[in-house]
Amino acid sequence: MEISNIINQTLIGEIDPKEFALSIRCDDGLREELESMVPREAKEDKMHLIWSSIPYQLYAARGFSIADVLLDFAGSEYIFGTRLNIYHSLRALYVLNEGVPIAFTTKYAEAHEIYLEYFGEYFEGMEIMHTADAIVNDAMKLKDGIKRKLYIKSRIRREFHCNGFKRPKWIQCAEWPMGKNSPMKYISSRSIDEGIDYMFRDVDTGKLRTVTQYY
């Protein structure tokens, strides 16, 4: 089948997957095209090839609307996973419908891997996602692996105001808070009943903030 240019541009990396998904809201033609790309028999066959890339249960829960599935993905604040989920789903639909061969981008998978490697355990949180995204995007311009690694580590230390190896040891998923202009500086932590308080300070305003997590 002939596939629209906006889908092709997204798959080669010229249009951000999240922006693509959000455009579905005001483009009925695009919505109809996406729905037509899911084979009729796939709705009744949970083992169909398409569901290796798109969660069948989510598809069924959204009334068998692939457009609404993509919009659900776009609603997440987790930028890296959002882009990758939308991209993989769109690519699966494209391949299944035998679109004209194109150079699929790998940058969203690469960005996700970089994020997990350098941010995932300590420097993570919904509030600082845009800071992490900016660092990863700038780092990906460096093709030399060693230079990229050094750049990311240096940028994280600067943006997150890190002194040496001082960082929070989160007992749940990381929740690094954002300050006025940059991520807050980690100060210290203390044990409380059934949990830990993590103290941060905004380097621009001096405002203190406590993030509490429980076991």
N, C-alpha and C. Protein backbone atom coordinates (compact mmCIF):
# COMPACT_ATOMS: atom_id res chain seq x y z
N MET A 1 0.83 -1.19 0.00
CA MET A 1 0.00 0.00 0.00
C MET A 1 0.87 1.25 0.00
N GLU A 2 0.34 2.34 -0.53
CA GLU A 2 1.07 3.60 -0.52
C GLU A 2 0.97 4.23 0.86
N ILE A 3 2.10 4.61 1.41
CA ILE A 3 2.14 5.12 2.78
C ILE A 3 2.48 6.60 2.76
N SER A 4 1.79 7.37 3.58
CA SER A 4 1.92 8.83 3.54
C SER A 4 3.31 9.30 3.94
N ASN A 5 3.65 10.49 3.47
CA ASN A 5 4.98 11.04 3.67
C ASN A 5 5.30 11.29 5.14
N ILE A 6 4.30 11.66 5.94
CA ILE A 6 4.56 11.95 7.35
C ILE A 6 5.03 10.70 8.09
N ILE A 7 4.55 9.54 7.69
CA ILE A 7 5.00 8.28 8.30
C ILE A 7 6.44 7.99 7.87
N ASN A 8 6.71 8.17 6.57
CA ASN A 8 8.07 7.95 6.07
C ASN A 8 9.07 8.87 6.78
N GLN A 9 8.70 10.13 6.92
CA GLN A 9 9.60 11.10 7.56
C GLN A 9 9.86 10.75 9.02
N THR A 10 8.86 10.22 9.67
CA THR A 10 9.04 9.82 11.07
C THR A 10 10.00 8.64 11.16
N LEU A 11 9.87 7.70 10.27
CA LEU A 11 10.68 6.49 10.32
C LEU A 11 12.14 6.72 9.93
N ILE A 12 12.40 7.78 9.17
CA ILE A 12 13.81 8.06 8.83
C ILE A 12 14.40 9.11 9.77
N GLY A 13 13.61 9.54 10.75
CA GLY A 13 14.15 10.41 11.79
C GLY A 13 13.98 11.89 11.58
N GLU A 14 13.20 12.30 10.59
CA GLU A 14 13.02 13.72 10.32
C GLU A 14 11.90 14.34 11.15
N ILE A 15 10.97 13.51 11.64
CA ILE A 15 9.88 13.99 12.49
C ILE A 15 9.94 13.21 13.80
N ASP A 16 9.88 13.91 14.92
CA ASP A 16 9.91 13.27 16.23
C ASP A 16 8.68 12.36 16.38
N PRO A 17 8.86 11.12 16.82
CA PRO A 17 7.72 10.19 16.95
C PRO A 17 6.60 10.72 17.84
N LYS A 18 6.96 11.43 18.91
CA LYS A 18 5.91 11.96 19.78
C LYS A 18 5.10 13.03 19.06
N GLU A 19 5.77 13.89 18.32
CA GLU A 19 5.07 14.92 17.54
C GLU A 19 4.17 14.27 16.49
N PHE A 20 4.68 13.19 15.89
CA PHE A 20 3.87 12.47 14.92
C PHE A 20 2.58 11.95 15.57
N ALA A 21 2.73 11.29 16.72
CA ALA A 21 1.56 10.71 17.39
C ALA A 21 0.55 11.79 17.78
N LEU A 22 1.04 12.90 18.29
CA LEU A 22 0.13 13.98 18.71
C LEU A 22 -0.61 14.59 17.52
N SER A 23 -0.01 14.51 16.33
CA SER A 23 -0.66 15.07 15.14
C SER A 23 -1.90 14.27 14.75
N ILE A 24 -2.02 13.04 15.27
CA ILE A 24 -3.19 12.21 14.97
C ILE A 24 -4.47 12.89 15.45
N ARG A 25 -4.37 13.65 16.53
CA ARG A 25 -5.55 14.29 17.12
C ARG A 25 -6.27 15.21 16.14
N CYS A 26 -5.53 15.83 15.25
CA CYS A 26 -6.14 16.81 14.36
C CYS A 26 -6.04 16.40 12.89
N ASP A 27 -5.77 15.11 12.66
CA ASP A 27 -5.63 14.64 11.29
C ASP A 27 -6.42 13.34 11.13
N ASP A 28 -7.68 13.47 10.75
CA ASP A 28 -8.53 12.29 10.60
C ASP A 28 -8.02 11.36 9.50
N GLY A 29 -7.43 11.94 8.46
CA GLY A 29 -6.90 11.12 7.38
C GLY A 29 -5.77 10.22 7.85
N LEU A 30 -4.90 10.76 8.70
CA LEU A 30 -3.79 9.98 9.25
C LEU A 30 -4.32 8.88 10.16
N ARG A 31 -5.30 9.22 10.97
CA ARG A 31 -5.91 8.21 11.84
C ARG A 31 -6.48 7.05 11.02
N GLU A 32 -7.20 7.36 9.98
CA GLU A 32 -7.79 6.33 9.13
C GLU A 32 -6.71 5.47 8.47
N GLU A 33 -5.64 6.12 8.05
CA GLU A 33 -4.54 5.38 7.41
C GLU A 33 -3.91 4.39 8.39
N LEU A 34 -3.68 4.85 9.60
CA LEU A 34 -3.08 3.97 10.62
C LEU A 34 -3.98 2.78 10.93
N GLU A 35 -5.27 3.04 11.07
CA GLU A 35 -6.20 1.94 11.36
C GLU A 35 -6.21 0.92 10.23
N SER A 36 -6.08 1.40 9.01
CA SER A 36 -6.12 0.49 7.85
C SER A 36 -4.85 -0.35 7.74
N MET A 37 -3.79 0.04 8.44
CA MET A 37 -2.53 -0.68 8.36
C MET A 37 -2.50 -1.92 9.25
N VAL A 38 -3.47 -2.04 10.14
CA VAL A 38 -3.56 -3.24 10.99
C VAL A 38 -4.42 -4.27 10.27
N PRO A 39 -3.87 -5.43 9.94
CA PRO A 39 -4.64 -6.45 9.22
C PRO A 39 -5.89 -6.86 10.00
N ARG A 40 -6.97 -7.06 9.28
CA ARG A 40 -8.22 -7.42 9.92
C ARG A 40 -8.08 -8.69 10.76
N GLU A 41 -7.34 -9.66 10.23
CA GLU A 41 -7.19 -10.94 10.95
C GLU A 41 -6.40 -10.81 12.24
N ALA A 42 -5.59 -9.74 12.35
CA ALA A 42 -4.77 -9.57 13.56
C ALA A 42 -5.63 -9.28 14.79
N LYS A 43 -6.79 -8.70 14.58
CA LYS A 43 -7.66 -8.38 15.71
C LYS A 43 -8.13 -9.63 16.44
N GLU A 44 -8.20 -10.75 15.73
CA GLU A 44 -8.68 -11.99 16.31
C GLU A 44 -7.55 -12.96 16.63
N ASP A 45 -6.32 -12.59 16.25
CA ASP A 45 -5.19 -13.51 16.41
C ASP A 45 -4.12 -12.88 17.29
N LYS A 46 -4.07 -13.26 18.57
CA LYS A 46 -3.11 -12.69 19.50
C LYS A 46 -1.67 -13.07 19.17
N MET A 47 -1.50 -14.08 18.32
CA MET A 47 -0.16 -14.54 17.94
C MET A 47 0.31 -13.92 16.62
N HIS A 48 -0.47 -13.00 16.08
CA HIS A 48 -0.11 -12.37 14.82
C HIS A 48 1.22 -11.64 14.97
N LEU A 49 1.99 -11.60 13.88
CA LEU A 49 3.32 -11.00 13.88
C LEU A 49 3.32 -9.56 14.40
N ILE A 50 2.28 -8.81 14.12
CA ILE A 50 2.24 -7.39 14.50
C ILE A 50 2.35 -7.20 16.00
N TRP A 51 1.86 -8.19 16.78
CA TRP A 51 1.83 -8.03 18.23
C TRP A 51 3.18 -8.32 18.90
N SER A 52 4.19 -8.62 18.09
CA SER A 52 5.54 -8.75 18.65
C SER A 52 6.14 -7.37 18.91
N SER A 53 5.55 -6.35 18.30
CA SER A 53 6.04 -4.98 18.49
C SER A 53 5.03 -4.07 19.17
N ILE A 54 3.76 -4.45 19.14
CA ILE A 54 2.70 -3.65 19.75
C ILE A 54 1.94 -4.54 20.73
N PRO A 55 1.79 -4.11 21.99
CA PRO A 55 1.09 -4.94 22.99
C PRO A 55 -0.37 -5.18 22.61
N TYR A 56 -0.73 -6.43 22.38
CA TYR A 56 -2.09 -6.75 21.97
C TYR A 56 -3.10 -6.32 23.03
N GLN A 57 -2.77 -6.54 24.31
CA GLN A 57 -3.71 -6.20 25.38
C GLN A 57 -4.02 -4.71 25.39
N LEU A 58 -3.01 -3.90 25.15
CA LEU A 58 -3.23 -2.45 25.09
C LEU A 58 -4.09 -2.10 23.88
N TYR A 59 -3.82 -2.75 22.77
CA TYR A 59 -4.60 -2.52 21.55
C TYR A 59 -6.07 -2.86 21.78
N ALA A 60 -6.34 -4.00 22.41
CA ALA A 60 -7.72 -4.40 22.68
C ALA A 60 -8.38 -3.44 23.65
N ALA A 61 -7.61 -3.01 24.67
CA ALA A 61 -8.16 -2.11 25.69
C ALA A 61 -8.54 -0.76 25.10
N ARG A 62 -7.89 -0.39 23.99
CA ARG A 62 -8.18 0.90 23.36
C ARG A 62 -9.19 0.74 22.22
N GLY A 63 -10.01 -0.31 22.32
CA GLY A 63 -11.07 -0.50 21.33
C GLY A 63 -10.55 -0.86 19.97
N PHE A 64 -9.40 -1.56 19.92
CA PHE A 64 -8.77 -1.97 18.66
C PHE A 64 -8.47 -0.77 17.76
N SER A 65 -7.97 0.29 18.38
CA SER A 65 -7.58 1.49 17.63
C SER A 65 -6.08 1.71 17.79
N ILE A 66 -5.32 1.48 16.74
CA ILE A 66 -3.87 1.68 16.82
C ILE A 66 -3.53 3.16 16.99
N ALA A 67 -4.37 4.04 16.46
CA ALA A 67 -4.14 5.47 16.62
C ALA A 67 -4.21 5.86 18.09
N ASP A 68 -5.17 5.30 18.81
CA ASP A 68 -5.31 5.61 20.23
C ASP A 68 -4.18 5.00 21.06
N VAL A 69 -3.66 3.86 20.62
CA VAL A 69 -2.50 3.27 21.29
C VAL A 69 -1.31 4.21 21.19
N LEU A 70 -1.07 4.74 19.99
CA LEU A 70 0.05 5.67 19.80
C LEU A 70 -0.14 6.94 20.61
N LEU A 71 -1.37 7.40 20.72
CA LEU A 71 -1.66 8.59 21.54
C LEU A 71 -1.42 8.29 23.02
N ASP A 72 -1.73 7.07 23.45
CA ASP A 72 -1.43 6.68 24.82
C ASP A 72 0.07 6.73 25.08
N PHE A 73 0.84 6.20 24.14
CA PHE A 73 2.30 6.25 24.27
C PHE A 73 2.76 7.71 24.38
N ALA A 74 2.19 8.56 23.55
CA ALA A 74 2.61 9.97 23.51
C ALA A 74 2.29 10.71 24.79
N GLY A 75 1.35 10.17 25.58
CA GLY A 75 0.97 10.83 26.83
C GLY A 75 1.95 10.62 27.96
N SER A 76 2.92 9.75 27.76
CA SER A 76 3.91 9.48 28.81
C SER A 76 4.96 10.59 28.87
N GLU A 77 5.42 10.91 30.08
CA GLU A 77 6.46 11.92 30.26
C GLU A 77 7.86 11.33 30.10
N TYR A 78 7.94 10.02 29.98
CA TYR A 78 9.23 9.34 29.81
C TYR A 78 9.63 9.45 28.35
N ILE A 79 10.34 10.52 28.01
CA ILE A 79 10.62 10.90 26.64
C ILE A 79 11.26 9.79 25.83
N PHE A 80 12.27 9.14 26.39
CA PHE A 80 13.04 8.17 25.62
C PHE A 80 12.22 6.92 25.30
N GLY A 81 11.51 6.41 26.28
CA GLY A 81 10.67 5.25 26.05
C GLY A 81 9.49 5.56 25.15
N THR A 82 8.95 6.78 25.29
CA THR A 82 7.82 7.20 24.47
C THR A 82 8.20 7.18 22.99
N ARG A 83 9.30 7.82 22.66
CA ARG A 83 9.73 7.87 21.26
C ARG A 83 9.96 6.46 20.71
N LEU A 84 10.61 5.63 21.51
CA LEU A 84 10.95 4.29 21.05
C LEU A 84 9.70 3.44 20.85
N ASN A 85 8.74 3.53 21.76
CA ASN A 85 7.50 2.76 21.63
C ASN A 85 6.72 3.15 20.37
N ILE A 86 6.61 4.45 20.16
CA ILE A 86 5.89 4.92 18.97
C ILE A 86 6.62 4.50 17.70
N TYR A 87 7.93 4.70 17.72
CA TYR A 87 8.73 4.37 16.53
C TYR A 87 8.64 2.88 16.20
N HIS A 88 8.82 2.01 17.18
CA HIS A 88 8.78 0.57 16.93
C HIS A 88 7.40 0.14 16.42
N SER A 89 6.35 0.72 16.98
CA SER A 89 5.00 0.38 16.53
C SER A 89 4.79 0.80 15.08
N LEU A 90 5.23 2.01 14.77
CA LEU A 90 5.06 2.54 13.42
C LEU A 90 5.89 1.74 12.41
N ARG A 91 7.09 1.38 12.81
CA ARG A 91 7.95 0.59 11.92
C ARG A 91 7.33 -0.78 11.65
N ALA A 92 6.77 -1.41 12.68
CA ALA A 92 6.14 -2.72 12.51
C ALA A 92 4.98 -2.63 11.51
N LEU A 93 4.18 -1.57 11.61
CA LEU A 93 3.08 -1.38 10.68
C LEU A 93 3.59 -1.17 9.25
N TYR A 94 4.66 -0.41 9.13
CA TYR A 94 5.23 -0.10 7.82
C TYR A 94 5.74 -1.37 7.15
N VAL A 95 6.51 -2.15 7.89
CA VAL A 95 7.07 -3.38 7.34
C VAL A 95 5.97 -4.35 6.94
N LEU A 96 4.96 -4.46 7.79
CA LEU A 96 3.86 -5.39 7.53
C LEU A 96 3.11 -5.02 6.26
N ASN A 97 3.05 -3.71 5.99
CA ASN A 97 2.33 -3.24 4.81
C ASN A 97 3.24 -3.04 3.60
N GLU A 98 4.45 -3.54 3.72
CA GLU A 98 5.40 -3.54 2.60
C GLU A 98 5.59 -2.16 1.98
N GLY A 99 5.90 -1.23 2.85
CA GLY A 99 6.18 0.11 2.36
C GLY A 99 7.47 0.11 1.54
N VAL A 100 7.66 1.17 0.75
CA VAL A 100 8.87 1.30 -0.05
C VAL A 100 10.09 1.27 0.87
N PRO A 101 11.14 0.49 0.54
CA PRO A 101 12.32 0.41 1.40
C PRO A 101 12.90 1.80 1.71
N ILE A 102 13.11 2.06 2.97
CA ILE A 102 13.68 3.34 3.39
C ILE A 102 14.78 3.06 4.43
N ALA A 103 15.57 4.08 4.72
CA ALA A 103 16.65 3.95 5.70
C ALA A 103 16.08 4.24 7.09
N PHE A 104 15.64 3.20 7.78
CA PHE A 104 15.08 3.39 9.12
C PHE A 104 16.14 3.98 10.06
N THR A 105 15.75 4.99 10.81
CA THR A 105 16.69 5.58 11.77
C THR A 105 16.88 4.66 12.98
N THR A 106 18.04 4.75 13.57
CA THR A 106 18.32 4.00 14.80
C THR A 106 18.55 4.94 15.98
N LYS A 107 18.35 6.23 15.75
CA LYS A 107 18.74 7.20 16.77
C LYS A 107 17.89 7.12 18.04
N TYR A 108 16.64 6.68 17.93
CA TYR A 108 15.81 6.61 19.14
C TYR A 108 16.22 5.44 20.03
N ALA A 109 16.60 4.33 19.41
CA ALA A 109 17.11 3.20 20.18
C ALA A 109 18.45 3.55 20.81
N GLU A 110 19.28 4.25 20.05
CA GLU A 110 20.59 4.66 20.55
C GLU A 110 20.45 5.64 21.72
N ALA A 111 19.55 6.60 21.59
CA ALA A 111 19.32 7.57 22.66
C ALA A 111 18.82 6.87 23.92
N HIS A 112 17.94 5.91 23.75
CA HIS A 112 17.41 5.18 24.90
C HIS A 112 18.51 4.41 25.61
N GLU A 113 19.40 3.79 24.86
CA GLU A 113 20.51 3.04 25.44
C GLU A 113 21.45 3.98 26.21
N ILE A 114 21.73 5.15 25.64
CA ILE A 114 22.59 6.11 26.32
C ILE A 114 21.95 6.56 27.62
N TYR A 115 20.67 6.85 27.57
CA TYR A 115 19.96 7.29 28.77
C TYR A 115 20.03 6.23 29.88
N LEU A 116 19.76 5.00 29.53
CA LEU A 116 19.79 3.93 30.54
C LEU A 116 21.18 3.75 31.12
N GLU A 117 22.19 3.88 30.27
CA GLU A 117 23.57 3.66 30.73
C GLU A 117 24.06 4.76 31.66
N TYR A 118 23.73 6.01 31.36
CA TYR A 118 24.32 7.12 32.12
C TYR A 118 23.37 7.79 33.11
N PHE A 119 22.08 7.63 32.95
CA PHE A 119 21.13 8.32 33.82
C PHE A 119 20.30 7.37 34.69
N GLY A 120 20.09 6.16 34.20
CA GLY A 120 19.05 5.29 34.74
C GLY A 120 19.02 5.00 36.22
N GLU A 121 20.15 4.90 36.88
CA GLU A 121 20.14 4.49 38.28
C GLU A 121 20.06 5.66 39.25
N TYR A 122 20.68 6.77 38.91
CA TYR A 122 20.76 7.91 39.83
C TYR A 122 20.06 9.16 39.29
N PHE A 123 20.42 9.56 38.07
CA PHE A 123 20.01 10.85 37.53
C PHE A 123 18.74 10.71 36.69
N GLU A 124 17.68 10.33 37.35
CA GLU A 124 16.44 10.07 36.63
C GLU A 124 15.28 10.74 37.34
N GLY A 125 14.18 10.91 36.64
CA GLY A 125 13.00 11.53 37.21
C GLY A 125 12.23 12.29 36.15
N MET A 126 10.93 12.32 36.27
CA MET A 126 10.10 12.97 35.27
C MET A 126 10.42 14.46 35.14
N GLU A 127 10.79 15.09 36.26
CA GLU A 127 11.01 16.54 36.24
C GLU A 127 12.25 16.93 35.44
N ILE A 128 13.23 16.06 35.37
CA ILE A 128 14.50 16.42 34.72
C ILE A 128 14.64 15.77 33.34
N MET A 129 13.55 15.22 32.79
CA MET A 129 13.61 14.54 31.51
C MET A 129 14.12 15.42 30.38
N HIS A 130 13.71 16.68 30.36
CA HIS A 130 14.13 17.55 29.26
C HIS A 130 15.62 17.89 29.37
N THR A 131 16.15 17.95 30.58
CA THR A 131 17.58 18.16 30.76
C THR A 131 18.34 16.94 30.23
N ALA A 132 17.89 15.76 30.61
CA ALA A 132 18.52 14.52 30.14
C ALA A 132 18.45 14.42 28.62
N ASP A 133 17.31 14.80 28.07
CA ASP A 133 17.12 14.73 26.62
C ASP A 133 18.10 15.65 25.90
N ALA A 134 18.30 16.84 26.43
CA ALA A 134 19.24 17.79 25.82
C ALA A 134 20.67 17.26 25.87
N ILE A 135 21.04 16.65 27.00
CA ILE A 135 22.39 16.10 27.13
C ILE A 135 22.61 14.96 26.14
N VAL A 136 21.64 14.06 26.06
CA VAL A 136 21.76 12.91 25.16
C VAL A 136 21.81 13.36 23.71
N ASN A 137 20.97 14.31 23.34
CA ASN A 137 20.95 14.80 21.95
C ASN A 137 22.29 15.44 21.57
N ASP A 138 22.85 16.22 22.47
CA ASP A 138 24.14 16.85 22.19
C ASP A 138 25.25 15.80 22.11
N ALA A 139 25.18 14.81 22.99
CA ALA A 139 26.21 13.77 23.01
C ALA A 139 26.20 12.93 21.74
N MET A 140 25.01 12.72 21.19
CA MET A 140 24.91 11.89 19.99
C MET A 140 25.54 12.54 18.77
N LYS A 141 25.84 13.82 18.84
CA LYS A 141 26.53 14.49 17.74
C LYS A 141 28.00 14.08 17.69
N LEU A 142 28.49 13.54 18.80
CA LEU A 142 29.87 13.08 18.87
C LEU A 142 29.92 11.61 18.46
N LYS A 143 30.65 11.30 17.42
CA LYS A 143 30.70 9.93 16.91
C LYS A 143 31.77 9.09 17.59
N ASP A 144 32.79 9.74 18.12
CA ASP A 144 33.83 9.01 18.84
C ASP A 144 33.31 8.56 20.20
N GLY A 145 33.35 7.25 20.47
CA GLY A 145 32.78 6.70 21.69
C GLY A 145 33.39 7.24 22.96
N ILE A 146 34.70 7.39 22.99
CA ILE A 146 35.39 7.86 24.19
C ILE A 146 35.05 9.33 24.46
N LYS A 147 35.07 10.14 23.41
CA LYS A 147 34.73 11.56 23.56
C LYS A 147 33.28 11.71 24.03
N ARG A 148 32.39 10.87 23.49
CA ARG A 148 30.99 10.93 23.88
C ARG A 148 30.83 10.58 25.36
N LYS A 149 31.50 9.54 25.80
CA LYS A 149 31.41 9.11 27.19
C LYS A 149 31.90 10.20 28.14
N LEU A 150 33.04 10.79 27.82
CA LEU A 150 33.60 11.84 28.66
C LEU A 150 32.69 13.06 28.68
N TYR A 151 32.11 13.37 27.52
CA TYR A 151 31.22 14.53 27.43
C TYR A 151 29.99 14.33 28.30
N ILE A 152 29.38 13.16 28.23
CA ILE A 152 28.16 12.90 29.00
C ILE A 152 28.44 13.00 30.49
N LYS A 153 29.51 12.37 30.94
CA LYS A 153 29.84 12.38 32.37
C LYS A 153 30.13 13.80 32.85
N SER A 154 30.85 14.57 32.04
CA SER A 154 31.16 15.95 32.41
C SER A 154 29.90 16.80 32.45
N ARG A 155 29.05 16.62 31.47
CA ARG A 155 27.81 17.41 31.39
C ARG A 155 26.87 17.07 32.55
N ILE A 156 26.78 15.80 32.91
CA ILE A 156 25.94 15.40 34.04
C ILE A 156 26.44 16.03 35.33
N ARG A 157 27.75 15.98 35.55
CA ARG A 157 28.32 16.59 36.77
C ARG A 157 28.00 18.07 36.83
N ARG A 158 28.07 18.75 35.68
CA ARG A 158 27.80 20.19 35.65
C ARG A 158 26.31 20.49 35.82
N GLU A 159 25.47 19.82 35.07
CA GLU A 159 24.04 20.10 35.10
C GLU A 159 23.39 19.70 36.43
N PHE A 160 23.88 18.61 37.03
CA PHE A 160 23.29 18.12 38.27
C PHE A 160 24.08 18.58 39.51
N HIS A 161 25.10 19.42 39.28
CA HIS A 161 25.85 20.04 40.38
C HIS A 161 26.42 18.97 41.33
N CYS A 162 27.07 17.98 40.74
CA CYS A 162 27.60 16.87 41.53
C CYS A 162 29.00 17.16 42.05
N ASN A 163 29.22 16.82 43.30
CA ASN A 163 30.54 16.90 43.90
C ASN A 163 31.09 15.49 44.04
N GLY A 164 32.05 15.14 43.18
CA GLY A 164 32.61 13.80 43.25
C GLY A 164 31.56 12.74 42.97
N PHE A 165 31.51 11.75 43.85
CA PHE A 165 30.57 10.64 43.68
C PHE A 165 29.35 10.77 44.59
N LYS A 166 29.13 11.97 45.11
CA LYS A 166 27.99 12.18 46.00
C LYS A 166 26.69 12.21 45.21
N ARG A 167 25.84 11.22 45.46
CA ARG A 167 24.56 11.12 44.76
C ARG A 167 23.60 10.30 45.60
N PRO A 168 22.32 10.46 45.41
CA PRO A 168 21.35 9.71 46.22
C PRO A 168 21.32 8.23 45.86
N LYS A 169 21.20 7.39 46.88
CA LYS A 169 21.02 5.96 46.66
C LYS A 169 19.52 5.68 46.83
N TRP A 170 18.80 5.80 45.72
CA TRP A 170 17.35 5.69 45.75
C TRP A 170 16.91 4.28 46.15
N ILE A 171 15.86 4.21 46.94
CA ILE A 171 15.31 2.90 47.30
C ILE A 171 14.12 2.55 46.41
N GLN A 172 13.64 3.51 45.65
CA GLN A 172 12.62 3.28 44.63
C GLN A 172 13.17 3.88 43.32
N CYS A 173 12.33 4.05 42.34
CA CYS A 173 12.78 4.69 41.10
C CYS A 173 13.26 6.11 41.40
N ALA A 174 14.31 6.52 40.70
CA ALA A 174 14.88 7.85 40.94
C ALA A 174 13.85 8.95 40.69
N GLU A 175 13.90 9.98 41.54
CA GLU A 175 12.96 11.11 41.43
C GLU A 175 13.70 12.43 41.59
N TRP A 176 14.74 12.62 40.80
CA TRP A 176 15.55 13.83 40.93
C TRP A 176 14.69 15.05 40.61
N PRO A 177 14.63 16.02 41.53
CA PRO A 177 13.77 17.20 41.31
C PRO A 177 14.44 18.28 40.47
N MET A 178 13.63 19.07 39.81
CA MET A 178 14.11 20.16 38.97
C MET A 178 14.04 21.47 39.75
N GLY A 179 15.07 22.28 39.59
CA GLY A 179 15.06 23.61 40.18
C GLY A 179 14.57 24.64 39.19
N LYS A 180 14.85 25.90 39.46
CA LYS A 180 14.37 26.97 38.59
C LYS A 180 14.96 26.87 37.19
N ASN A 181 16.27 26.67 37.11
CA ASN A 181 16.94 26.64 35.81
C ASN A 181 17.67 25.35 35.50
N SER A 182 17.82 24.50 36.48
CA SER A 182 18.57 23.25 36.29
C SER A 182 18.17 22.26 37.38
N PRO A 183 18.56 21.00 37.24
CA PRO A 183 18.26 20.03 38.30
C PRO A 183 18.82 20.52 39.63
N MET A 184 18.09 20.24 40.71
CA MET A 184 18.54 20.64 42.03
C MET A 184 19.81 19.88 42.44
N LYS A 185 20.55 20.46 43.36
CA LYS A 185 21.77 19.82 43.87
C LYS A 185 21.42 18.91 45.03
N TYR A 186 21.95 17.69 44.96
CA TYR A 186 21.72 16.74 46.05
C TYR A 186 22.57 17.13 47.24
N ILE A 187 21.95 17.19 48.43
CA ILE A 187 22.64 17.60 49.65
C ILE A 187 22.95 16.40 50.55
N SER A 188 21.91 15.67 50.92
CA SER A 188 22.12 14.55 51.84
C SER A 188 20.85 13.72 51.92
N SER A 189 20.91 12.64 52.69
CA SER A 189 19.73 11.80 52.93
C SER A 189 19.72 11.37 54.38
N ARG A 190 18.53 10.98 54.87
CA ARG A 190 18.42 10.50 56.24
C ARG A 190 17.30 9.45 56.31
N SER A 191 17.51 8.51 57.19
CA SER A 191 16.51 7.46 57.36
C SER A 191 15.34 7.97 58.19
N ILE A 192 14.15 7.56 57.82
CA ILE A 192 12.94 7.86 58.57
C ILE A 192 12.19 6.53 58.76
N ASP A 193 11.08 6.57 59.47
CA ASP A 193 10.30 5.36 59.65
C ASP A 193 9.87 4.81 58.29
N GLU A 194 10.35 3.63 57.98
CA GLU A 194 9.97 2.89 56.77
C GLU A 194 10.38 3.60 55.48
N GLY A 195 11.39 4.45 55.53
CA GLY A 195 11.80 5.11 54.31
C GLY A 195 13.03 5.97 54.45
N ILE A 196 13.25 6.82 53.45
CA ILE A 196 14.41 7.72 53.42
C ILE A 196 13.98 9.08 52.87
N ASP A 197 14.46 10.14 53.51
CA ASP A 197 14.30 11.50 53.00
C ASP A 197 15.55 11.90 52.24
N TYR A 198 15.38 12.44 51.02
CA TYR A 198 16.50 12.92 50.22
C TYR A 198 16.37 14.43 50.11
N MET A 199 17.41 15.15 50.56
CA MET A 199 17.37 16.60 50.56
C MET A 199 18.10 17.19 49.36
N PHE A 200 17.46 18.18 48.72
CA PHE A 200 18.02 18.85 47.55
C PHE A 200 17.92 20.37 47.73
N ARG A 201 18.77 21.09 46.99
CA ARG A 201 18.74 22.56 47.04
C ARG A 201 18.82 23.12 45.63
N ASP A 202 18.00 24.14 45.38
CA ASP A 202 18.04 24.84 44.10
C ASP A 202 19.23 25.79 44.13
N VAL A 203 20.19 25.60 43.22
CA VAL A 203 21.42 26.42 43.25
C VAL A 203 21.14 27.87 42.87
N ASP A 204 20.01 28.14 42.23
CA ASP A 204 19.70 29.51 41.81
C ASP A 204 18.90 30.27 42.86
N THR A 205 17.98 29.60 43.54
CA THR A 205 17.11 30.29 44.49
C THR A 205 17.42 29.96 45.96
N GLY A 206 18.16 28.89 46.16
CA GLY A 206 18.44 28.46 47.54
C GLY A 206 17.31 27.65 48.15
N LYS A 207 16.23 27.47 47.43
CA LYS A 207 15.08 26.73 47.95
C LYS A 207 15.45 25.28 48.22
N LEU A 208 15.01 24.78 49.38
CA LEU A 208 15.26 23.39 49.75
C LEU A 208 14.04 22.54 49.44
N ARG A 209 14.29 21.30 49.12
CA ARG A 209 13.19 20.38 48.82
C ARG A 209 13.56 18.97 49.27
N THR A 210 12.59 18.29 49.84
CA THR A 210 12.79 16.93 50.31
C THR A 210 11.95 15.96 49.49
N VAL A 211 12.61 14.92 49.00
CA VAL A 211 11.92 13.84 48.29
C VAL A 211 11.92 12.63 49.22
N THR A 212 10.74 12.12 49.52
CA THR A 212 10.61 11.00 50.45
C THR A 212 10.23 9.73 49.70
N GLN A 213 10.92 8.66 50.00
CA GLN A 213 10.61 7.35 49.42
C GLN A 213 10.48 6.34 50.55
N TYR A 214 9.62 5.35 50.30
CA TYR A 214 9.35 4.34 51.33
C TYR A 214 9.73 2.95 50.82
N TYR A 215 10.14 2.11 51.75
CA TYR A 215 10.49 0.73 51.41
C TYR A 215 9.25 -0.06 51.02
